[in-house]
């Protein structure tokens, strides 16, 4: 997809996985971590009914807005004056850092 210029960087990508059986179960265990493991913005996981179906991978451009801190594409970013342009994960990280600095 990078060669086809659909995405320029990995974080511009959305990965859609279709899996069955044990593969699907394993991927489901790590569903929340898959974007970080694959270094992409989003991952969609679908479990298919056919037990012997091969793993199917599709890559497309991620929807959303780019976070100015982590560069992931997310559905929305903060608009308030202290966190403008940050995704929820980065707002949490910046808030924890600020809270720790006051100790």
PDB file of N, CA and C in Angstrom:
ATOM      1  N   UNK A   1       0.822  -1.198   0.000  1.00  0.00           N
ATOM      2  CA  UNK A   1       0.000   0.000   0.000  1.00  0.00           C
ATOM      3  C   UNK A   1       0.870   1.267   0.000  1.00  0.00           C
ATOM      4  N   UNK A   2       2.054   1.151   0.585  1.00  0.00           N
ATOM      5  CA  UNK A   2       2.960   2.302   0.535  1.00  0.00           C
ATOM      6  C   UNK A   2       3.466   2.506  -0.883  1.00  0.00           C
ATOM      7  N   UNK A   3       3.804   1.410  -1.560  1.00  0.00           N
ATOM      8  CA  UNK A   3       4.274   1.527  -2.945  1.00  0.00           C
ATOM      9  C   UNK A   3       3.175   2.080  -3.849  1.00  0.00           C
ATOM     10  N   UNK A   4       1.934   1.734  -3.560  1.00  0.00           N
ATOM     11  CA  UNK A   4       0.801   2.231  -4.341  1.00  0.00           C
ATOM     12  C   UNK A   4       0.404   3.647  -3.926  1.00  0.00           C
ATOM     13  N   UNK A   5       1.090   4.204  -2.926  1.00  0.00           N
ATOM     14  CA  UNK A   5       0.858   5.561  -2.424  1.00  0.00           C
ATOM     15  C   UNK A   5      -0.523   5.743  -1.784  1.00  0.00           C
ATOM     16  N   UNK A   6      -1.105   4.620  -1.310  1.00  0.00           N
ATOM     17  CA  UNK A   6      -2.358   4.702  -0.565  1.00  0.00           C
ATOM     18  C   UNK A   6      -2.080   5.258   0.826  1.00  0.00           C
ATOM     19  N   UNK A   7      -0.962   4.805   1.408  1.00  0.00           N
ATOM     20  CA  UNK A   7      -0.499   5.334   2.693  1.00  0.00           C
ATOM     21  C   UNK A   7       0.955   5.755   2.531  1.00  0.00           C
ATOM     22  N   UNK A   8       1.333   6.801   3.229  1.00  0.00           N
ATOM     23  CA  UNK A   8       2.714   7.272   3.163  1.00  0.00           C
ATOM     24  C   UNK A   8       3.557   6.741   4.311  1.00  0.00           C
ATOM     25  N   UNK A   9       2.921   6.591   5.471  1.00  0.00           N
ATOM     26  CA  UNK A   9       3.594   6.067   6.651  1.00  0.00           C
ATOM     27  C   UNK A   9       2.722   4.967   7.260  1.00  0.00           C
ATOM     28  N   UNK A  10       3.295   4.084   8.052  1.00  0.00           N
ATOM     29  CA  UNK A  10       2.488   3.018   8.651  1.00  0.00           C
ATOM     30  C   UNK A  10       1.317   3.542   9.492  1.00  0.00           C
ATOM     31  N   UNK A  11       1.491   4.679  10.171  1.00  0.00           N
ATOM     32  CA  UNK A  11       0.415   5.189  11.008  1.00  0.00           C
ATOM     33  C   UNK A  11      -0.752   5.764  10.210  1.00  0.00           C
ATOM     34  N   UNK A  12      -0.608   5.867   8.900  1.00  0.00           N
ATOM     35  CA  UNK A  12      -1.730   6.265   8.053  1.00  0.00           C
ATOM     36  C   UNK A  12      -2.586   5.066   7.669  1.00  0.00           C
ATOM     37  N   UNK A  13      -2.218   3.875   8.164  1.00  0.00           N
ATOM     38  CA  UNK A  13      -2.880   2.640   7.745  1.00  0.00           C
ATOM     39  C   UNK A  13      -3.924   2.140   8.736  1.00  0.00           C
ATOM     40  N   UNK A  14      -4.939   1.511   8.157  1.00  0.00           N
ATOM     41  CA  UNK A  14      -5.943   0.734   8.878  1.00  0.00           C
ATOM     42  C   UNK A  14      -5.790  -0.694   8.378  1.00  0.00           C
ATOM     43  N   UNK A  15      -5.673  -1.653   9.286  1.00  0.00           N
ATOM     44  CA  UNK A  15      -5.532  -3.060   8.916  1.00  0.00           C
ATOM     45  C   UNK A  15      -6.817  -3.787   9.300  1.00  0.00           C
ATOM     46  N   UNK A  16      -7.337  -4.527   8.358  1.00  0.00           N
ATOM     47  CA  UNK A  16      -8.530  -5.354   8.597  1.00  0.00           C
ATOM     48  C   UNK A  16      -8.109  -6.811   8.489  1.00  0.00           C
ATOM     49  N   UNK A  17      -8.332  -7.557   9.581  1.00  0.00           N
ATOM     50  CA  UNK A  17      -7.966  -8.968   9.631  1.00  0.00           C
ATOM     51  C   UNK A  17      -9.228  -9.810   9.689  1.00  0.00           C
ATOM     52  N   UNK A  18      -9.265 -10.859   8.888  1.00  0.00           N
ATOM     53  CA  UNK A  18     -10.334 -11.850   8.970  1.00  0.00           C
ATOM     54  C   UNK A  18      -9.665 -13.184   9.259  1.00  0.00           C
ATOM     55  N   UNK A  19     -10.057 -13.789  10.370  1.00  0.00           N
ATOM     56  CA  UNK A  19      -9.406 -15.028  10.804  1.00  0.00           C
ATOM     57  C   UNK A  19     -10.442 -16.004  11.342  1.00  0.00           C
ATOM     58  N   UNK A  20     -10.034 -17.257  11.430  1.00  0.00           N
ATOM     59  CA  UNK A  20     -10.913 -18.304  11.941  1.00  0.00           C
ATOM     60  C   UNK A  20     -10.182 -19.106  13.012  1.00  0.00           C
ATOM     61  N   UNK A  21     -10.951 -19.843  13.780  1.00  0.00           N
ATOM     62  CA  UNK A  21     -10.404 -20.803  14.719  1.00  0.00           C
ATOM     63  C   UNK A  21      -9.393 -20.250  15.705  1.00  0.00           C
ATOM     64  N   UNK A  22      -8.312 -21.003  15.866  1.00  0.00           N
ATOM     65  CA  UNK A  22      -7.275 -20.660  16.839  1.00  0.00           C
ATOM     66  C   UNK A  22      -6.605 -19.334  16.506  1.00  0.00           C
ATOM     67  N   UNK A  23      -6.422 -19.047  15.202  1.00  0.00           N
ATOM     68  CA  UNK A  23      -5.827 -17.750  14.815  1.00  0.00           C
ATOM     69  C   UNK A  23      -6.696 -16.596  15.299  1.00  0.00           C
ATOM     70  N   UNK A  24      -7.999 -16.709  15.086  1.00  0.00           N
ATOM     71  CA  UNK A  24      -8.921 -15.659  15.518  1.00  0.00           C
ATOM     72  C   UNK A  24      -8.902 -15.514  17.033  1.00  0.00           C
ATOM     73  N   UNK A  25      -8.872 -16.642  17.727  1.00  0.00           N
ATOM     74  CA  UNK A  25      -8.835 -16.603  19.198  1.00  0.00           C
ATOM     75  C   UNK A  25      -7.573 -15.912  19.699  1.00  0.00           C
ATOM     76  N   UNK A  26      -6.441 -16.230  19.093  1.00  0.00           N
ATOM     77  CA  UNK A  26      -5.174 -15.607  19.485  1.00  0.00           C
ATOM     78  C   UNK A  26      -5.200 -14.104  19.212  1.00  0.00           C
ATOM     79  N   UNK A  27      -5.646 -13.713  18.035  1.00  0.00           N
ATOM     80  CA  UNK A  27      -5.714 -12.294  17.700  1.00  0.00           C
ATOM     81  C   UNK A  27      -6.681 -11.551  18.633  1.00  0.00           C
ATOM     82  N   UNK A  28      -7.776 -12.206  18.977  1.00  0.00           N
ATOM     83  CA  UNK A  28      -8.758 -11.598  19.880  1.00  0.00           C
ATOM     84  C   UNK A  28      -8.133 -11.295  21.246  1.00  0.00           C
ATOM     85  N   UNK A  29      -7.255 -12.163  21.727  1.00  0.00           N
ATOM     86  CA  UNK A  29      -6.596 -11.944  23.017  1.00  0.00           C
ATOM     87  C   UNK A  29      -5.782 -10.652  23.014  1.00  0.00           C
ATOM     88  N   UNK A  30      -5.269 -10.280  21.852  1.00  0.00           N
ATOM     89  CA  UNK A  30      -4.399  -9.110  21.743  1.00  0.00           C
ATOM     90  C   UNK A  30      -5.042  -7.971  20.969  1.00  0.00           C
ATOM     91  N   UNK A  31      -6.354  -8.017  20.817  1.00  0.00           N
ATOM     92  CA  UNK A  31      -7.081  -7.032  20.002  1.00  0.00           C
ATOM     93  C   UNK A  31      -6.659  -5.593  20.304  1.00  0.00           C
ATOM     94  N   UNK A  32      -6.639  -5.216  21.560  1.00  0.00           N
ATOM     95  CA  UNK A  32      -6.317  -3.830  21.930  1.00  0.00           C
ATOM     96  C   UNK A  32      -4.871  -3.458  21.630  1.00  0.00           C
ATOM     97  N   UNK A  33      -3.980  -4.443  21.632  1.00  0.00           N
ATOM     98  CA  UNK A  33      -2.557  -4.171  21.393  1.00  0.00           C
ATOM     99  C   UNK A  33      -2.169  -4.250  19.917  1.00  0.00           C
ATOM    100  N   UNK A  34      -3.037  -4.770  19.066  1.00  0.00           N
ATOM    101  CA  UNK A  34      -2.675  -4.979  17.661  1.00  0.00           C
ATOM    102  C   UNK A  34      -2.213  -3.709  16.942  1.00  0.00           C
ATOM    103  N   UNK A  35      -2.879  -2.568  17.121  1.00  0.00           N
ATOM    104  CA  UNK A  35      -2.372  -1.365  16.434  1.00  0.00           C
ATOM    105  C   UNK A  35      -0.935  -1.018  16.833  1.00  0.00           C
ATOM    106  N   UNK A  36      -0.608  -1.182  18.103  1.00  0.00           N
ATOM    107  CA  UNK A  36       0.752  -0.894  18.557  1.00  0.00           C
ATOM    108  C   UNK A  36       1.739  -1.925  18.015  1.00  0.00           C
ATOM    109  N   UNK A  37       1.337  -3.191  18.009  1.00  0.00           N
ATOM    110  CA  UNK A  37       2.205  -4.250  17.502  1.00  0.00           C
ATOM    111  C   UNK A  37       2.482  -4.085  16.008  1.00  0.00           C
ATOM    112  N   UNK A  38       1.456  -3.695  15.257  1.00  0.00           N
ATOM    113  CA  UNK A  38       1.600  -3.528  13.813  1.00  0.00           C
ATOM    114  C   UNK A  38       2.086  -2.129  13.424  1.00  0.00           C
ATOM    115  N   UNK A  39       2.147  -1.224  14.394  1.00  0.00           N
ATOM    116  CA  UNK A  39       2.515   0.184  14.185  1.00  0.00           C
ATOM    117  C   UNK A  39       1.612   0.823  13.118  1.00  0.00           C
ATOM    118  N   UNK A  40       0.301   0.690  13.340  1.00  0.00           N
ATOM    119  CA  UNK A  40      -0.712   1.305  12.484  1.00  0.00           C
ATOM    120  C   UNK A  40      -1.697   2.039  13.381  1.00  0.00           C
ATOM    121  N   UNK A  41      -2.562   2.836  12.790  1.00  0.00           N
ATOM    122  CA  UNK A  41      -3.515   3.590  13.596  1.00  0.00           C
ATOM    123  C   UNK A  41      -4.665   2.741  14.112  1.00  0.00           C
ATOM    124  N   UNK A  42      -5.215   1.876  13.271  1.00  0.00           N
ATOM    125  CA  UNK A  42      -6.360   1.075  13.685  1.00  0.00           C
ATOM    126  C   UNK A  42      -6.295  -0.327  13.099  1.00  0.00           C
ATOM    127  N   UNK A  43      -6.910  -1.265  13.826  1.00  0.00           N
ATOM    128  CA  UNK A  43      -7.028  -2.647  13.366  1.00  0.00           C
ATOM    129  C   UNK A  43      -8.459  -3.100  13.626  1.00  0.00           C
ATOM    130  N   UNK A  44      -9.072  -3.690  12.614  1.00  0.00           N
ATOM    131  CA  UNK A  44     -10.384  -4.302  12.750  1.00  0.00           C
ATOM    132  C   UNK A  44     -10.190  -5.800  12.644  1.00  0.00           C
ATOM    133  N   UNK A  45     -10.777  -6.538  13.568  1.00  0.00           N
ATOM    134  CA  UNK A  45     -10.655  -7.989  13.590  1.00  0.00           C
ATOM    135  C   UNK A  45     -12.027  -8.601  13.396  1.00  0.00           C
ATOM    136  N   UNK A  46     -12.148  -9.489  12.412  1.00  0.00           N
ATOM    137  CA  UNK A  46     -13.399 -10.203  12.160  1.00  0.00           C
ATOM    138  C   UNK A  46     -13.143 -11.695  12.275  1.00  0.00           C
ATOM    139  N   UNK A  47     -13.997 -12.373  13.025  1.00  0.00           N
ATOM    140  CA  UNK A  47     -13.899 -13.833  13.125  1.00  0.00           C
ATOM    141  C   UNK A  47     -14.853 -14.427  12.093  1.00  0.00           C
ATOM    142  N   UNK A  48     -14.335 -15.311  11.242  1.00  0.00           N
ATOM    143  CA  UNK A  48     -15.161 -15.947  10.220  1.00  0.00           C
ATOM    144  C   UNK A  48     -15.546 -17.348  10.670  1.00  0.00           C
ATOM    145  N   UNK A  49     -16.681 -17.820  10.187  1.00  0.00           N
ATOM    146  CA  UNK A  49     -17.235 -19.103  10.633  1.00  0.00           C
ATOM    147  C   UNK A  49     -16.494 -20.314  10.078  1.00  0.00           C
ATOM    148  N   UNK A  50     -15.969 -20.214   8.867  1.00  0.00           N
ATOM    149  CA  UNK A  50     -15.296 -21.363   8.265  1.00  0.00           C
ATOM    150  C   UNK A  50     -14.018 -21.675   9.050  1.00  0.00           C
ATOM    151  N   UNK A  51     -13.962 -22.823   9.676  1.00  0.00           N
ATOM    152  CA  UNK A  51     -12.840 -23.178  10.560  1.00  0.00           C
ATOM    153  C   UNK A  51     -11.494 -23.229   9.849  1.00  0.00           C
ATOM    154  N   UNK A  52     -11.496 -23.550   8.564  1.00  0.00           N
ATOM    155  CA  UNK A  52     -10.227 -23.690   7.845  1.00  0.00           C
ATOM    156  C   UNK A  52      -9.914 -22.491   6.950  1.00  0.00           C
ATOM    157  N   UNK A  53     -10.629 -21.404   7.140  1.00  0.00           N
ATOM    158  CA  UNK A  53     -10.399 -20.205   6.317  1.00  0.00           C
ATOM    159  C   UNK A  53      -9.011 -19.632   6.611  1.00  0.00           C
ATOM    160  N   UNK A  54      -8.283 -19.242   5.578  1.00  0.00           N
ATOM    161  CA  UNK A  54      -6.958 -18.654   5.803  1.00  0.00           C
ATOM    162  C   UNK A  54      -7.072 -17.238   6.370  1.00  0.00           C
ATOM    163  N   UNK A  55      -6.030 -16.795   7.013  1.00  0.00           N
ATOM    164  CA  UNK A  55      -5.969 -15.425   7.494  1.00  0.00           C
ATOM    165  C   UNK A  55      -6.006 -14.492   6.298  1.00  0.00           C
ATOM    166  N   UNK A  56      -6.866 -13.499   6.357  1.00  0.00           N
ATOM    167  CA  UNK A  56      -6.986 -12.531   5.271  1.00  0.00           C
ATOM    168  C   UNK A  56      -6.644 -11.150   5.833  1.00  0.00           C
ATOM    169  N   UNK A  57      -5.775 -10.442   5.144  1.00  0.00           N
ATOM    170  CA  UNK A  57      -5.328  -9.125   5.595  1.00  0.00           C
ATOM    171  C   UNK A  57      -5.621  -8.100   4.509  1.00  0.00           C
ATOM    172  N   UNK A  58      -6.282  -7.011   4.884  1.00  0.00           N
ATOM    173  CA  UNK A  58      -6.509  -5.884   3.981  1.00  0.00           C
ATOM    174  C   UNK A  58      -5.927  -4.636   4.633  1.00  0.00           C
ATOM    175  N   UNK A  59      -5.320  -3.801   3.840  1.00  0.00           N
ATOM    176  CA  UNK A  59      -4.776  -2.541   4.350  1.00  0.00           C
ATOM    177  C   UNK A  59      -5.404  -1.411   3.552  1.00  0.00           C
ATOM    178  N   UNK A  60      -5.864  -0.396   4.274  1.00  0.00           N
ATOM    179  CA  UNK A  60      -6.428   0.794   3.637  1.00  0.00           C
ATOM    180  C   UNK A  60      -5.969   2.017   4.421  1.00  0.00           C
ATOM    181  N   UNK A  61      -6.327   3.169   3.920  1.00  0.00           N
ATOM    182  CA  UNK A  61      -5.978   4.411   4.607  1.00  0.00           C
ATOM    183  C   UNK A  61      -6.873   4.573   5.834  1.00  0.00           C
ATOM    184  N   UNK A  62      -6.287   4.930   6.950  1.00  0.00           N
ATOM    185  CA  UNK A  62      -7.046   5.128   8.187  1.00  0.00           C
ATOM    186  C   UNK A  62      -7.906   6.380   8.085  1.00  0.00           C
ATOM    187  N   UNK A  63      -9.089   6.297   8.645  1.00  0.00           N
ATOM    188  CA  UNK A  63      -9.977   7.456   8.714  1.00  0.00           C
ATOM    189  C   UNK A  63      -9.645   8.263   9.959  1.00  0.00           C
ATOM    190  N   UNK A  64     -10.087   9.474   9.996  1.00  0.00           N
ATOM    191  CA  UNK A  64      -9.958  10.274  11.199  1.00  0.00           C
ATOM    192  C   UNK A  64      -8.992  11.430  11.065  1.00  0.00           C
ATOM    193  N   UNK A  65      -8.605  11.938  12.216  1.00  0.00           N
ATOM    194  CA  UNK A  65      -7.732  13.100  12.325  1.00  0.00           C
ATOM    195  C   UNK A  65      -6.409  12.667  12.930  1.00  0.00           C
ATOM    196  N   UNK A  66      -5.333  13.248  12.457  1.00  0.00           N
ATOM    197  CA  UNK A  66      -4.000  12.902  12.947  1.00  0.00           C
ATOM    198  C   UNK A  66      -3.722  13.610  14.271  1.00  0.00           C
ATOM    199  N   UNK A  67      -3.350  12.842  15.283  1.00  0.00           N
ATOM    200  CA  UNK A  67      -2.946  13.402  16.576  1.00  0.00           C
ATOM    201  C   UNK A  67      -1.587  14.074  16.383  1.00  0.00           C
ATOM    202  N   UNK A  68      -1.445  15.273  16.908  1.00  0.00           N
ATOM    203  CA  UNK A  68      -0.204  16.022  16.703  1.00  0.00           C
ATOM    204  C   UNK A  68       0.951  15.503  17.563  1.00  0.00           C
ATOM    205  N   UNK A  69       0.652  14.641  18.531  1.00  0.00           N
ATOM    206  CA  UNK A  69       1.710  14.120  19.400  1.00  0.00           C
ATOM    207  C   UNK A  69       2.179  12.729  18.965  1.00  0.00           C
ATOM    208  N   UNK A  70       1.245  11.798  18.776  1.00  0.00           N
ATOM    209  CA  UNK A  70       1.631  10.413  18.452  1.00  0.00           C
ATOM    210  C   UNK A  70       1.486  10.082  16.967  1.00  0.00           C
ATOM    211  N   UNK A  71       0.841  10.942  16.218  1.00  0.00           N
ATOM    212  CA  UNK A  71       0.655  10.822  14.764  1.00  0.00           C
ATOM    213  C   UNK A  71      -0.308   9.724  14.345  1.00  0.00           C
ATOM    214  N   UNK A  72      -1.014   9.115  15.305  1.00  0.00           N
ATOM    215  CA  UNK A  72      -2.038   8.138  14.938  1.00  0.00           C
ATOM    216  C   UNK A  72      -3.254   8.869  14.390  1.00  0.00           C
ATOM    217  N   UNK A  73      -3.981   8.203  13.520  1.00  0.00           N
ATOM    218  CA  UNK A  73      -5.249   8.739  13.029  1.00  0.00           C
ATOM    219  C   UNK A  73      -6.350   8.188  13.915  1.00  0.00           C
ATOM    220  N   UNK A  74      -7.134   9.082  14.493  1.00  0.00           N
ATOM    221  CA  UNK A  74      -8.159   8.721  15.465  1.00  0.00           C
ATOM    222  C   UNK A  74      -9.478   9.386  15.073  1.00  0.00           C
ATOM    223  N   UNK A  75     -10.611   8.887  15.601  1.00  0.00           N
ATOM    224  CA  UNK A  75     -11.906   9.479  15.239  1.00  0.00           C
ATOM    225  C   UNK A  75     -12.031  10.961  15.600  1.00  0.00           C
ATOM    226  N   UNK A  76     -11.394  11.339  16.721  1.00  0.00           N
ATOM    227  CA  UNK A  76     -11.469  12.755  17.121  1.00  0.00           C
ATOM    228  C   UNK A  76     -10.255  13.112  17.970  1.00  0.00           C
ATOM    229  N   UNK A  77      -9.946  14.392  17.982  1.00  0.00           N
ATOM    230  CA  UNK A  77      -8.884  14.913  18.852  1.00  0.00           C
ATOM    231  C   UNK A  77      -9.488  15.994  19.728  1.00  0.00           C
ATOM    232  N   UNK A  78      -8.807  16.313  20.801  1.00  0.00           N
ATOM    233  CA  UNK A  78      -9.287  17.329  21.743  1.00  0.00           C
ATOM    234  C   UNK A  78      -9.286  18.702  21.088  1.00  0.00           C
ATOM    235  N   UNK A  79     -10.216  19.525  21.509  1.00  0.00           N
ATOM    236  CA  UNK A  79     -10.301  20.877  20.977  1.00  0.00           C
ATOM    237  C   UNK A  79     -10.062  21.941  22.045  1.00  0.00           C
ATOM    238  N   UNK A  80      -9.952  21.531  23.322  1.00  0.00           N
ATOM    239  CA  UNK A  80      -9.760  22.535  24.377  1.00  0.00           C
ATOM    240  C   UNK A  80      -8.368  23.155  24.278  1.00  0.00           C
ATOM    241  N   UNK A  81      -8.198  24.302  24.895  1.00  0.00           N
ATOM    242  CA  UNK A  81      -6.956  25.063  24.739  1.00  0.00           C
ATOM    243  C   UNK A  81      -5.718  24.365  25.284  1.00  0.00           C
ATOM    244  N   UNK A  82      -5.859  23.490  26.271  1.00  0.00           N
ATOM    245  CA  UNK A  82      -4.703  22.824  26.869  1.00  0.00           C
ATOM    246  C   UNK A  82      -4.279  21.564  26.134  1.00  0.00           C
ATOM    247  N   UNK A  83      -5.199  20.945  25.402  1.00  0.00           N
ATOM    248  CA  UNK A  83      -4.909  19.665  24.762  1.00  0.00           C
ATOM    249  C   UNK A  83      -5.280  19.645  23.284  1.00  0.00           C
ATOM    250  N   UNK A  84      -5.409  20.782  22.673  1.00  0.00           N
ATOM    251  CA  UNK A  84      -5.855  20.857  21.282  1.00  0.00           C
ATOM    252  C   UNK A  84      -4.996  19.989  20.368  1.00  0.00           C
ATOM    253  N   UNK A  85      -5.677  19.165  19.572  1.00  0.00           N
ATOM    254  CA  UNK A  85      -4.996  18.328  18.601  1.00  0.00           C
ATOM    255  C   UNK A  85      -4.509  16.999  19.110  1.00  0.00           C
ATOM    256  N   UNK A  86      -4.748  16.705  20.413  1.00  0.00           N
ATOM    257  CA  UNK A  86      -4.286  15.445  20.998  1.00  0.00           C
ATOM    258  C   UNK A  86      -5.401  14.406  21.040  1.00  0.00           C
ATOM    259  N   UNK A  87      -5.038  13.139  20.824  1.00  0.00           N
ATOM    260  CA  UNK A  87      -5.994  12.039  20.967  1.00  0.00           C
ATOM    261  C   UNK A  87      -6.194  11.782  22.466  1.00  0.00           C
ATOM    262  N   UNK A  88      -7.194  10.992  22.800  1.00  0.00           N
ATOM    263  CA  UNK A  88      -7.487  10.697  24.208  1.00  0.00           C
ATOM    264  C   UNK A  88      -6.297  10.061  24.921  1.00  0.00           C
ATOM    265  N   UNK A  89      -5.610   9.150  24.246  1.00  0.00           N
ATOM    266  CA  UNK A  89      -4.457   8.491  24.860  1.00  0.00           C
ATOM    267  C   UNK A  89      -3.369   9.506  25.194  1.00  0.00           C
ATOM    268  N   UNK A  90      -3.115  10.452  24.297  1.00  0.00           N
ATOM    269  CA  UNK A  90      -2.082  11.460  24.550  1.00  0.00           C
ATOM    270  C   UNK A  90      -2.525  12.472  25.601  1.00  0.00           C
ATOM    271  N   UNK A  91      -3.820  12.791  25.642  1.00  0.00           N
ATOM    272  CA  UNK A  91      -4.328  13.669  26.703  1.00  0.00           C
ATOM    273  C   UNK A  91      -4.048  13.023  28.053  1.00  0.00           C
ATOM    274  N   UNK A  92      -4.331  11.717  28.172  1.00  0.00           N
ATOM    275  CA  UNK A  92      -4.059  11.001  29.421  1.00  0.00           C
ATOM    276  C   UNK A  92      -2.568  11.028  29.759  1.00  0.00           C
ATOM    277  N   UNK A  93      -1.721  10.785  28.764  1.00  0.00           N
ATOM    278  CA  UNK A  93      -0.267  10.755  28.998  1.00  0.00           C
ATOM    279  C   UNK A  93       0.240  12.118  29.430  1.00  0.00           C
ATOM    280  N   UNK A  94      -0.193  13.162  28.768  1.00  0.00           N
ATOM    281  CA  UNK A  94       0.245  14.524  29.106  1.00  0.00           C
ATOM    282  C   UNK A  94      -0.288  14.916  30.478  1.00  0.00           C
ATOM    283  N   UNK A  95      -1.500  14.535  30.797  1.00  0.00           N
ATOM    284  CA  UNK A  95      -2.089  14.862  32.098  1.00  0.00           C
ATOM    285  C   UNK A  95      -1.346  14.150  33.214  1.00  0.00           C
ATOM    286  N   UNK A  96      -0.967  12.891  33.000  1.00  0.00           N
ATOM    287  CA  UNK A  96      -0.209  12.146  34.026  1.00  0.00           C
ATOM    288  C   UNK A  96       1.165  12.765  34.218  1.00  0.00           C
ATOM    289  N   UNK A  97       1.808  13.187  33.123  1.00  0.00           N
ATOM    290  CA  UNK A  97       3.115  13.812  33.212  1.00  0.00           C
ATOM    291  C   UNK A  97       3.020  15.119  33.980  1.00  0.00           C
ATOM    292  N   UNK A  98       1.991  15.907  33.679  1.00  0.00           N
ATOM    293  CA  UNK A  98       1.816  17.197  34.371  1.00  0.00           C
ATOM    294  C   UNK A  98       1.532  16.991  35.844  1.00  0.00           C
ATOM    295  N   UNK A  99       0.718  15.989  36.165  1.00  0.00           N
ATOM    296  CA  UNK A  99       0.386  15.723  37.572  1.00  0.00           C
ATOM    297  C   UNK A  99       1.617  15.269  38.336  1.00  0.00           C
ATOM    298  N   UNK A 100       2.468  14.459  37.699  1.00  0.00           N
ATOM    299  CA  UNK A 100       3.682  13.969  38.345  1.00  0.00           C
ATOM    300  C   UNK A 100       4.714  15.048  38.544  1.00  0.00           C
ATOM    301  N   UNK A 101       4.705  16.076  37.702  1.00  0.00           N
ATOM    302  CA  UNK A 101       5.693  17.154  37.790  1.00  0.00           C
ATOM    303  C   UNK A 101       5.463  18.038  39.017  1.00  0.00           C
ATOM    304  N   UNK A 102       4.230  18.060  39.531  1.00  0.00           N
ATOM    305  CA  UNK A 102       3.912  18.910  40.662  1.00  0.00           C
ATOM    306  C   UNK A 102       4.282  18.310  41.997  1.00  0.00           C
ATOM    307  N   UNK A 103       4.802  17.101  41.982  1.00  0.00           N
ATOM    308  CA  UNK A 103       5.129  16.439  43.261  1.00  0.00           C
ATOM    309  C   UNK A 103       6.450  16.860  43.788  1.00  0.00           C
TER     310      UNK A 103
END
